[in-house]
Protein backbone atom coordinates (compact mmCIF):
# COMPACT_ATOMS: atom_id res chain seq x y z
CA MET A 1 124.47 16.09 96.77
CA GLU A 2 120.87 16.79 97.16
CA PHE A 3 121.76 19.35 99.91
CA LEU A 4 123.64 21.22 97.59
CA GLN A 5 121.52 21.21 94.48
CA PHE A 6 118.70 22.76 96.57
CA PRO A 7 120.58 26.04 97.03
CA LEU A 8 121.38 26.16 93.36
CA ALA A 9 118.01 25.59 92.31
CA LEU A 10 116.74 28.38 94.43
CA CYS A 11 119.55 30.64 93.26
CA LEU A 12 118.38 29.77 89.42
CA ALA A 13 114.68 30.51 90.51
CA MET A 14 115.86 33.89 91.96
CA ALA A 15 117.91 34.77 88.96
CA VAL A 16 115.12 34.04 86.69
CA ILE A 17 112.75 36.12 88.84
CA PHE A 18 115.25 39.05 88.57
CA LEU A 19 115.88 38.65 85.13
CA PHE A 20 111.86 38.57 84.23
CA MET A 21 111.45 41.74 86.67
CA LEU A 22 114.22 43.45 84.97
CA TRP A 23 112.88 42.72 81.46
CA ARG A 24 109.47 44.13 82.50
CA LEU A 25 110.84 47.07 83.67
CA LEU A 26 112.85 47.65 80.62
CA TYR A 27 109.81 46.64 78.38
CA SER A 28 107.55 49.12 80.25
CA CYS A 29 109.95 51.95 80.47
CA TRP A 30 111.89 51.42 77.39
CA VAL A 31 110.28 49.40 74.72
CA LEU A 32 106.92 50.47 75.02
CA PRO A 33 107.62 54.21 75.24
CA ASN A 34 110.28 53.58 72.05
CA GLN A 35 107.25 52.05 70.24
CA ALA A 36 104.94 54.98 70.91
CA TYR A 37 107.75 57.23 69.83
CA GLN A 38 108.47 55.65 66.61
CA LYS A 39 104.67 55.43 65.69
CA LEU A 40 104.43 58.93 66.37
CA ARG A 41 107.16 59.93 64.21
CA ARG A 42 105.88 57.70 61.38
CA ASN A 43 102.59 59.86 61.83
CA GLY A 44 104.51 63.05 61.29
CA PHE A 45 105.13 64.42 64.56
CA SER A 46 108.53 65.76 65.19
CA GLY A 47 110.11 67.17 68.40
CA PRO A 48 113.35 67.31 70.67
CA THR A 49 115.34 64.07 70.72
CA PRO A 50 114.81 62.27 74.06
CA SER A 51 117.43 60.33 76.36
CA PHE A 52 116.52 57.47 78.01
CA PRO A 53 115.36 57.29 81.02
CA LEU A 54 115.16 61.21 81.41
CA GLY A 55 113.51 62.14 78.15
CA ASN A 56 113.89 65.90 77.56
CA ILE A 57 113.93 66.93 81.30
CA VAL A 58 117.73 67.96 81.14
CA ASP A 59 116.98 70.22 78.24
CA ARG A 60 114.11 71.60 80.23
CA LYS A 61 116.42 72.12 83.27
CA LYS A 62 119.18 73.76 81.27
CA SER A 63 116.85 76.30 79.51
CA LEU A 64 115.16 77.24 82.63
CA HIS A 65 118.40 77.84 84.39
CA SER A 66 119.40 80.06 81.58
CA SER A 67 116.09 81.90 81.52
CA SER A 68 116.29 82.60 85.38
CA SER A 69 119.63 84.16 85.21
CA SER A 70 118.46 86.91 82.75
CA SER A 71 116.21 89.69 83.63
CA LEU A 72 112.91 90.29 82.26
CA SER A 73 112.06 94.02 81.39
CA LEU A 74 108.70 95.14 81.87
CA THR A 75 107.13 93.44 78.82
CA HIS A 76 103.94 91.40 78.16
CA ASP A 77 105.97 89.32 75.85
CA ILE A 78 106.44 86.51 78.51
CA HIS A 79 106.37 83.09 76.48
CA SER A 80 109.93 83.01 76.27
CA LYS A 81 110.46 83.70 79.97
CA VAL A 82 107.99 81.37 81.67
CA PHE A 83 108.18 78.46 78.99
CA PRO A 84 111.61 78.90 77.36
CA TYR A 85 112.01 75.23 76.53
CA PHE A 86 108.71 75.25 74.71
CA TYR A 87 109.62 78.59 73.26
CA LEU A 88 112.74 77.09 71.66
CA TRP A 89 111.29 73.75 70.74
CA GLN A 90 108.37 75.36 68.94
CA LYS A 91 110.61 77.42 66.59
CA LEU A 92 112.49 74.17 65.84
CA HIS A 93 109.22 72.04 65.49
CA GLY A 94 106.41 74.18 65.13
CA LYS A 95 103.12 74.49 67.13
CA VAL A 96 102.49 70.60 67.29
CA PHE A 97 105.40 68.51 68.51
CA ILE A 98 106.20 65.39 70.85
CA TYR A 99 108.46 65.96 73.87
CA TRP A 100 109.07 63.54 76.60
CA LEU A 101 109.04 63.77 80.59
CA GLY A 102 111.05 60.78 81.57
CA THR A 103 109.64 57.85 79.81
CA GLU A 104 106.27 59.49 78.99
CA PRO A 105 105.81 61.14 75.72
CA PHE A 106 103.57 64.24 75.53
CA LEU A 107 101.88 65.91 72.73
CA TYR A 108 102.53 69.59 72.67
CA ILE A 109 99.84 71.86 71.13
CA ALA A 110 99.83 75.58 70.54
CA ASP A 111 97.72 75.40 67.41
CA PRO A 112 93.96 76.11 67.94
CA GLU A 113 92.81 74.52 64.96
CA PHE A 114 94.74 71.37 65.63
CA LEU A 115 93.17 71.46 69.06
CA ARG A 116 89.85 71.88 67.74
CA LYS A 117 90.01 68.81 65.40
CA ILE A 118 91.33 66.50 68.03
CA SER A 119 88.88 67.53 70.67
CA ALA A 120 85.53 67.68 68.39
CA ASP A 121 84.66 64.01 69.23
CA VAL A 122 86.08 63.87 72.78
CA MET A 123 83.36 64.31 75.78
CA GLY A 124 84.56 65.76 78.88
CA LYS A 125 84.00 63.08 81.08
CA SER A 126 86.67 60.73 79.09
CA TRP A 127 89.29 63.47 78.94
CA GLY A 128 90.87 63.98 82.29
CA LYS A 129 94.35 64.64 83.52
CA PRO A 130 97.34 62.55 82.31
CA THR A 131 97.90 59.64 84.68
CA VAL A 132 101.59 60.80 85.43
CA PHE A 133 100.31 64.12 86.63
CA LYS A 134 97.30 62.42 88.86
CA ASN A 135 100.04 60.48 90.58
CA ASP A 136 102.55 63.40 91.05
CA ARG A 137 99.75 65.82 92.40
CA LYS A 138 97.56 63.36 94.47
CA PRO A 139 98.67 65.17 97.63
CA MET A 140 97.28 68.29 96.34
CA PHE A 141 94.21 67.48 94.40
CA GLY A 142 93.52 63.62 95.52
CA ASN A 143 90.72 62.29 93.54
CA GLY A 144 88.50 65.50 93.16
CA LEU A 145 86.66 66.92 90.27
CA VAL A 146 89.95 68.01 88.08
CA MET A 147 91.41 64.62 88.37
CA VAL A 148 88.71 62.13 87.91
CA GLU A 149 87.10 60.95 84.70
CA GLY A 150 84.68 58.74 83.05
CA ASP A 151 81.31 58.05 85.08
CA GLU A 152 83.29 59.32 88.12
CA TRP A 153 83.63 62.62 86.79
CA VAL A 154 80.03 62.72 85.82
CA ARG A 155 78.88 61.90 89.40
CA HIS A 156 81.21 64.56 90.81
CA ARG A 157 79.95 67.05 88.53
CA HIS A 158 76.25 66.49 88.93
CA ILE A 159 76.69 66.99 92.95
CA ILE A 160 78.94 70.15 92.62
CA THR A 161 77.42 72.24 89.88
CA PRO A 162 74.25 73.17 91.92
CA ALA A 163 76.37 74.51 94.65
CA PHE A 164 77.09 77.54 92.05
CA SER A 165 73.52 78.51 91.43
CA PRO A 166 72.74 82.17 91.11
CA ALA A 167 71.01 81.88 94.63
CA ASN A 168 74.20 80.69 96.34
CA LEU A 169 76.53 83.02 94.63
CA LYS A 170 74.53 86.02 95.94
CA THR A 171 74.95 84.71 99.55
CA MET A 172 78.60 84.26 99.17
CA SER A 173 79.00 87.93 97.62
CA SER A 174 78.20 89.33 101.00
CA MET A 175 80.94 87.46 102.59
CA THR A 176 83.23 88.47 99.79
CA VAL A 177 82.51 92.01 100.67
CA GLU A 178 83.23 91.57 104.21
CA SER A 179 86.49 90.07 103.80
CA THR A 180 87.63 92.61 101.28
CA THR A 181 86.63 95.38 102.99
CA ASN A 182 88.70 94.03 106.15
CA MET A 183 91.79 94.03 103.91
CA LEU A 184 91.13 97.58 102.52
CA ASP A 185 90.95 98.66 105.96
CA ARG A 186 94.37 97.50 106.73
CA TRP A 187 95.46 99.06 103.49
CA THR A 188 94.41 102.27 104.90
CA ALA A 189 95.99 102.09 108.18
CA LEU A 190 99.31 101.46 106.37
CA ILE A 191 98.78 104.49 103.98
CA THR A 192 97.90 106.74 106.81
CA SER A 193 100.86 105.48 108.81
CA GLY A 194 103.17 106.70 106.24
CA LYS A 195 103.38 103.43 104.54
CA PRO A 196 102.05 103.53 101.03
CA GLU A 197 104.02 100.73 99.26
CA ILE A 198 101.94 97.43 99.60
CA ASP A 199 102.79 93.87 98.31
CA VAL A 200 99.31 93.19 96.74
CA GLU A 201 100.07 89.66 95.77
CA THR A 202 100.72 88.71 99.35
CA GLU A 203 97.64 90.61 100.54
CA ILE A 204 95.15 89.38 97.99
CA THR A 205 96.40 85.86 97.91
CA SER A 206 95.67 85.69 101.78
CA THR A 207 92.28 87.44 101.48
CA ALA A 208 91.21 85.33 98.61
CA GLY A 209 92.01 82.28 101.03
CA GLU A 210 89.93 83.86 103.53
CA ILE A 211 87.17 84.38 101.45
CA ILE A 212 87.03 80.95 100.13
CA ALA A 213 87.33 79.54 103.84
CA LYS A 214 84.38 81.59 104.77
CA THR A 215 81.98 81.33 101.60
CA SER A 216 82.88 77.80 100.51
CA PHE A 217 83.61 76.06 103.80
CA GLY A 218 82.35 77.90 106.81
CA MET A 219 85.82 77.90 108.33
CA SER A 220 87.24 80.43 110.79
CA TYR A 221 89.99 82.75 109.72
CA GLU A 222 92.53 80.93 111.71
CA ASN A 223 91.65 77.45 110.19
CA GLY A 224 91.33 78.79 106.64
CA LYS A 225 94.81 80.44 107.01
CA GLU A 226 96.29 77.02 108.19
CA VAL A 227 94.62 75.28 105.22
CA PHE A 228 96.19 77.94 102.92
CA GLU A 229 99.63 77.94 104.28
CA LYS A 230 99.97 74.52 104.34
CA LEU A 231 98.76 74.40 100.59
CA ARG A 232 101.15 76.97 99.65
CA ALA A 233 103.75 74.87 101.38
CA MET A 234 102.73 71.81 99.33
CA GLN A 235 102.89 73.75 96.12
CA MET A 236 106.34 74.86 96.74
CA ALA A 237 107.21 71.42 97.62
CA LEU A 238 105.71 69.91 94.34
CA PHE A 239 106.41 72.85 91.93
CA LYS A 240 109.03 75.16 92.97
CA TYR A 241 112.00 72.78 91.99
CA THR A 242 112.53 70.91 88.67
CA ARG A 243 111.93 67.14 89.69
CA TYR A 244 111.69 64.21 87.74
CA VAL A 245 108.06 63.59 86.90
CA GLY A 246 107.69 60.68 84.41
CA VAL A 247 111.08 59.18 85.24
CA PRO A 248 110.81 55.46 86.59
CA PHE A 249 111.38 55.69 90.34
CA SER A 250 111.28 59.42 90.37
CA ASN A 251 109.93 59.46 93.99
CA PHE A 252 113.08 58.29 95.07
CA MET A 253 115.14 61.04 93.28
CA CYS A 254 113.54 63.87 95.31
CA PRO A 255 112.79 62.13 98.52
CA ILE A 256 112.78 65.29 100.67
CA GLN A 257 110.23 67.38 98.42
CA ASN A 258 107.87 64.04 97.90
CA SER A 259 108.14 63.30 101.71
CA GLU A 260 107.30 66.75 102.62
CA ALA A 261 104.36 67.06 100.14
CA LYS A 262 102.89 63.71 101.50
CA LYS A 263 103.32 64.80 105.23
CA LEU A 264 101.31 68.01 104.28
CA GLY A 265 98.61 66.19 102.41
CA LYS A 266 98.05 64.18 105.22
CA GLU A 267 97.68 67.22 107.71
CA ILE A 268 95.34 68.95 105.26
CA ASP A 269 93.29 65.77 105.09
CA ALA A 270 93.08 65.54 108.78
CA MET A 271 91.90 69.13 109.16
CA LEU A 272 89.09 68.87 106.48
CA LEU A 273 88.09 65.72 107.84
CA SER A 274 87.63 67.22 111.27
CA ILE A 275 85.53 69.67 109.69
CA ILE A 276 83.37 67.49 107.79
CA THR A 277 82.80 65.25 110.64
CA SER A 278 81.84 68.20 112.85
CA ARG A 279 79.48 69.52 110.10
CA LYS A 280 77.57 66.07 110.14
CA SER A 281 77.15 65.99 113.49
CA ASN A 282 75.32 69.45 113.33
CA VAL A 283 72.79 68.95 110.46
CA GLY A 284 70.32 71.29 111.81
CA GLN A 285 72.53 74.19 111.02
CA PRO A 286 71.52 76.43 107.74
CA GLN A 287 73.11 75.12 104.74
CA LYS A 288 74.55 77.93 102.93
CA ASP A 289 78.35 77.41 102.11
CA LEU A 290 79.93 74.91 99.42
CA LEU A 291 80.52 72.36 101.67
CA SER A 292 77.26 72.17 103.52
CA LEU A 293 75.64 71.93 99.91
CA LEU A 294 77.87 69.40 98.74
CA MET A 295 77.28 67.17 101.78
CA ALA A 296 73.35 67.99 101.71
CA GLU A 297 73.61 66.53 98.06
CA SER A 298 75.36 63.72 98.77
CA GLN A 299 73.06 62.56 101.62
CA VAL A 300 69.85 62.95 99.74
CA GLY A 301 70.98 62.38 96.10
CA GLY A 302 68.51 59.36 95.95
CA SER A 303 71.09 56.55 95.44
CA SER A 304 74.20 55.35 96.92
CA GLU A 305 76.10 55.92 93.36
CA LYS A 306 75.50 59.95 93.75
CA LYS A 307 76.76 59.99 97.31
CA LEU A 308 80.34 61.64 97.94
CA THR A 309 82.33 59.59 100.39
CA ALA A 310 84.15 61.64 103.47
CA SER A 311 87.27 60.88 101.38
CA GLU A 312 86.03 62.44 98.19
CA LEU A 313 84.54 65.32 100.48
CA VAL A 314 88.14 65.97 101.49
CA ASP A 315 89.43 66.08 98.09
CA GLU A 316 87.02 68.38 96.73
CA CYS A 317 87.64 70.62 99.50
CA LYS A 318 91.34 70.72 98.79
CA THR A 319 90.71 70.98 94.97
CA PHE A 320 88.42 74.07 95.27
CA PHE A 321 90.33 75.93 98.32
CA PHE A 322 93.48 75.68 95.94
CA GLY A 323 91.75 76.32 92.83
CA GLY A 324 89.08 78.96 94.13
CA HIS A 325 91.51 81.27 95.96
CA GLU A 326 94.50 80.73 93.81
CA THR A 327 93.45 81.47 90.35
CA THR A 328 91.26 84.52 91.33
CA ALA A 329 93.83 85.96 93.61
CA LEU A 330 96.40 85.96 90.75
CA ALA A 331 93.84 87.27 88.18
CA LEU A 332 93.41 90.34 90.52
CA THR A 333 97.10 90.62 91.24
CA TRP A 334 97.95 90.85 87.49
CA THR A 335 94.94 93.11 87.01
CA LEU A 336 96.38 95.52 89.79
CA LEU A 337 99.77 95.36 87.83
CA LEU A 338 98.07 96.36 84.32
CA LEU A 339 95.94 98.97 85.87
CA ALA A 340 99.02 100.32 87.53
CA MET A 341 100.81 100.69 84.20
CA HIS A 342 97.59 102.25 82.52
CA THR A 343 95.95 104.55 84.98
CA GLU A 344 93.54 105.80 82.42
CA TRP A 345 91.70 102.31 82.72
CA GLN A 346 91.30 102.87 86.48
CA ASN A 347 89.52 106.02 85.98
CA GLN A 348 87.27 104.29 83.28
CA LEU A 349 86.24 101.73 85.83
CA ARG A 350 85.48 104.15 88.36
CA GLU A 351 83.20 105.99 86.10
CA GLU A 352 81.64 102.74 85.28
CA ILE A 353 81.19 101.55 88.63
CA LYS A 354 79.69 105.09 89.68
CA GLU A 355 77.07 104.92 86.58
CA VAL A 356 76.11 101.06 87.25
CA ILE A 357 76.34 100.86 91.22
CA GLY A 358 76.37 104.57 92.45
CA ASP A 359 77.77 105.07 96.08
CA GLY A 360 75.17 102.23 97.57
CA GLU A 361 76.25 98.71 98.65
CA ILE A 362 77.48 96.38 95.82
CA ASP A 363 74.28 94.33 94.88
CA ALA A 364 75.52 90.77 93.07
CA THR A 365 72.81 91.34 90.16
CA MET A 366 74.58 94.81 89.27
CA LEU A 367 78.03 93.20 88.41
CA ALA A 368 77.10 91.56 85.12
CA ARG A 369 76.55 95.25 83.97
CA LEU A 370 80.30 96.21 84.43
CA LYS A 371 81.15 95.43 80.69
CA LYS A 372 84.33 97.39 80.87
CA MET A 373 85.68 95.44 83.81
CA GLY A 374 84.77 92.26 82.02
CA TRP A 375 86.95 93.51 79.18
CA VAL A 376 89.64 94.31 81.61
CA MET A 377 89.25 90.77 83.14
CA ASN A 378 89.55 89.18 79.73
CA GLU A 379 92.54 90.91 78.73
CA VAL A 380 94.41 90.22 81.88
CA LEU A 381 93.43 86.33 81.39
CA ARG A 382 94.89 86.61 77.98
CA LEU A 383 98.27 88.38 78.66
CA TYR A 384 98.81 86.81 82.25
CA SER A 385 96.60 83.77 82.32
CA PRO A 386 96.92 82.11 86.21
CA ALA A 387 96.17 78.80 84.42
CA PRO A 388 99.22 78.84 81.80
CA ASN A 389 98.16 75.42 80.20
CA VAL A 390 95.31 72.84 79.89
CA GLN A 391 96.65 69.25 80.60
CA ARG A 392 94.38 66.49 79.08
CA GLY A 393 94.44 62.52 79.20
CA THR A 394 96.55 60.55 76.54
CA ASN A 395 99.44 62.99 77.85
CA MET A 396 98.65 66.20 76.05
CA TRP A 397 100.01 69.52 77.01
CA ILE A 398 97.98 72.67 75.51
CA ASP A 399 100.31 75.89 75.81
CA VAL A 400 97.57 78.50 76.67
CA VAL A 401 100.46 81.32 77.04
CA SER A 402 101.67 80.63 73.67
CA MET A 403 98.26 80.83 72.01
CA ASN A 404 97.45 84.03 74.09
CA HIS A 405 100.61 85.76 72.78
CA ASP A 406 100.29 84.58 69.07
CA ARG A 407 100.66 87.26 66.76
CA GLN A 408 99.07 85.41 63.97
CA LEU A 409 95.83 85.17 66.25
CA TRP A 410 95.66 88.22 67.92
CA GLY A 411 97.45 90.91 65.53
CA ASP A 412 100.54 92.97 65.70
CA ASP A 413 99.15 94.47 68.97
CA VAL A 414 99.20 91.07 70.75
CA TYR A 415 101.67 92.33 73.47
CA GLU A 416 99.71 95.39 74.24
CA PHE A 417 97.17 95.84 77.05
CA LYS A 418 93.97 96.67 75.26
CA PRO A 419 90.89 95.65 77.00
CA GLU A 420 88.69 97.22 74.27
CA ARG A 421 89.57 94.32 71.83
CA PHE A 422 86.63 92.65 73.83
CA LYS A 423 84.15 95.37 73.26
CA ASP A 424 82.70 94.14 69.89
CA ASP A 425 83.66 90.47 70.59
CA SER A 426 83.14 89.90 74.52
CA LEU A 427 84.02 86.16 74.28
CA TYR A 428 86.95 85.96 71.94
CA GLY A 429 88.39 89.56 71.68
CA GLY A 430 88.86 89.55 68.09
CA CYS A 431 90.97 86.10 68.28
CA LYS A 432 91.04 84.59 64.84
CA HIS A 433 90.10 81.24 66.05
CA LYS A 434 87.68 80.46 68.69
CA MET A 435 90.02 77.61 70.20
CA GLY A 436 92.71 80.41 70.64
CA PHE A 437 91.25 81.83 73.88
CA LEU A 438 90.48 79.37 76.63
CA PRO A 439 90.17 81.36 80.12
CA PHE A 440 88.20 78.73 81.70
CA GLY A 441 89.30 75.87 79.76
CA PHE A 442 86.98 74.36 77.23
CA GLY A 443 84.46 71.63 76.44
CA GLY A 444 82.70 69.72 79.00
CA ARG A 445 85.50 70.16 81.61
CA MET A 446 85.13 73.82 81.62
CA CYS A 447 85.95 75.43 85.23
CA VAL A 448 82.81 74.77 87.20
CA GLY A 449 83.65 77.58 89.56
CA ARG A 450 84.11 80.09 86.75
CA ASN A 451 80.76 82.24 87.82
CA LEU A 452 82.08 82.24 91.31
CA SER A 453 85.58 83.48 90.32
CA MET A 454 84.14 86.22 88.13
CA LEU A 455 81.80 87.40 91.16
CA GLU A 456 84.67 87.69 93.40
CA TYR A 457 86.83 89.37 90.94
CA LYS A 458 84.34 92.14 90.33
CA ILE A 459 83.59 92.64 93.94
CA VAL A 460 87.15 93.01 95.04
CA LEU A 461 88.38 95.19 91.86
CA THR A 462 85.26 97.36 92.45
CA LEU A 463 86.17 98.00 96.19
CA ILE A 464 89.78 98.52 95.32
CA VAL A 465 89.54 101.26 92.56
CA THR A 466 86.69 103.02 94.21
CA ARG A 467 89.12 103.64 97.31
CA PHE A 468 92.47 104.02 95.91
CA SER A 469 94.63 105.22 93.04
CA PHE A 470 97.72 103.28 92.63
CA SER A 471 101.05 103.04 90.55
CA LEU A 472 103.95 100.69 90.26
CA SER A 473 106.54 100.93 92.97
CA PRO A 474 110.27 101.33 91.90
CA ASN A 475 110.97 98.18 93.72
CA TYR A 476 108.92 96.08 91.29
CA CYS A 477 110.82 93.51 89.48
CA HIS A 478 108.92 91.83 86.65
CA SER A 479 109.47 88.09 87.15
CA PRO A 480 106.35 86.24 86.10
CA SER A 481 107.01 82.36 86.62
CA ILE A 482 105.36 78.98 86.57
CA MET A 483 104.55 77.22 89.99
CA LEU A 484 101.71 75.41 88.63
CA SER A 485 100.04 78.60 88.18
CA LEU A 486 101.28 81.90 86.67
CA ARG A 487 102.72 84.17 89.32
CA PRO A 488 105.15 87.18 90.11
CA THR A 489 107.83 85.29 91.81
CA GLN A 490 109.27 88.45 93.84
CA GLY A 491 105.70 90.13 94.89
CA LEU A 492 103.86 93.05 93.52
CA PRO A 493 104.77 96.11 95.27
CA LEU A 494 102.31 99.19 94.29
CA ILE A 495 102.19 102.72 95.84
CA PHE A 496 98.55 103.44 97.07
CA GLN A 497 96.74 106.70 97.51
CA GLN A 498 93.44 107.12 99.01
CA LEU A 499 90.98 108.83 97.11
C-alpha cells in the first residue's frame, strides 16, 4: 500500500507544480496585461481591440498585406504606405492611443504636445528602449548605448561622446573623401562604358559601410564588407518578416529567423572581438579611429566603473557600425531621389559649393557654411526619415513619419519638397511645434553620432553633385518600406551624366 501511495503523492505534487506554473503564465501573460489595459481605458485611452495572446498583430499583418499588394505613385505622402495600420488606427482613435504587440501594451504617440508633456520630467538616462525590443534586437545591438539606461547609459555616454570631438571628426573626414572618391571613380567608369544607370541605394550603402569600417574601427575593406553583409543579413532575418514580438514563446514561432539572427550575431561578435584583441596587443599604434579612442578612454578612465569590457566594446561596435552607416546611407539615398526629381536644387547646391569651397580640396571646417545643403538635408529627413520612429521605455512608440507629414504642423505644402522652409528656421523648418520635428531624436538620448553623420552627408553629397548631374531612371519603382529603417525596397536606379 505504501508503495502505491508514493507514486500517487508524486503525481499530485507534479500536478500542483504544473497548475502553479500554468497560473503564473496566465497571470503574467493575461491577467497583468488585462489589468494594465483596463487602467489605460479608465484613463481615457482608446485603441484597437486586442485578442489574447496576439494582441493586434493579426490586424497589422492584414493591413501590411493589403498595402504591399497596392502600388504607390511617386508621392511623398508615404505614411499610409509604410505604416498602414497606424494610419488606419489614427483615423479611428486619434493621435494618441493604445495598441498591443502580443501581451505587451504600447502607447502610440503622434501628437507633439502630448509628447512634450510626458517627456518634460524624464531624464535621458532613465528612458531607454522597451524591454520587449531589447530582447528582440539583442543579436544586433547587444547592450550598446541605444539599449542601456540608468547609470549604465551615463557611463557609456561619458566614454563615447569625446570620440566625436571636432578634432577627431576632422581626421575622419579625409578617410570619408577617399572612400567616396573611389565610389565615384567606379561610377565614372560605368558611365564611360555606356552604363549610365546606377543603383545608388546599393552603391551608397556599401560605401557608407566602408567609411564606417575605416574611420571608426580601422578595419580593412574586406573585413568591413563582411561585417556589413552579416549585419544586413541579420536585419533581413529580424525585420523583413512579420514576426510575433511580444507574444509568449514567440521565439518558437519563428525558429528559422531567430536561429539565423543569433548565429549571425555570434559570428559578428567573434570578428569584432578578434579586432579588439589585436588592437589591445598593439597599444603603441596611433589612436585615431573611434575604436581606439573608446579603448583608450576605457583603459585610462580612472576607475573600474568607467571601463568598457570587451563584450561592451563589441556591442558598441555593432551599434555604431549599423547605426553609423545605415542612417547616413539612407539619408543620402533619399536625397538623391529628391534631387533627381528637383534638378534646380542640384544647380543651387553646385553654386553654393563653388562659392564656399571653390575648386580646392574639401576642408571639414567649411562644411558648416553649406547652408542650403543643410536645408536639403533637413527636408529629406522630414519627408523620408531613415529612423521612422522613436521607441522609449514603458512601451512607447513615437511615430516620426506621421508627425513629419502632419498638415496641421507643416501646412498645406506638407508633401512638397521645399528645403527653403528651413531658411528662416534652420532647426524646425516652420513646424508649428518644436517636438514635431525630431531628426536625431530628442532630450538626453539624442543621437551621439549626429555630427559625424552630418559631416559624412555633406562630404559625400558635395563630391557627387560637383562631378555628376542625375535624373530618375524609368525603371525606378517608388516603394518606401520599413525594415527597422526606411528604405527603398526595390533600390534607387538613377541616370548619371558627367559634368
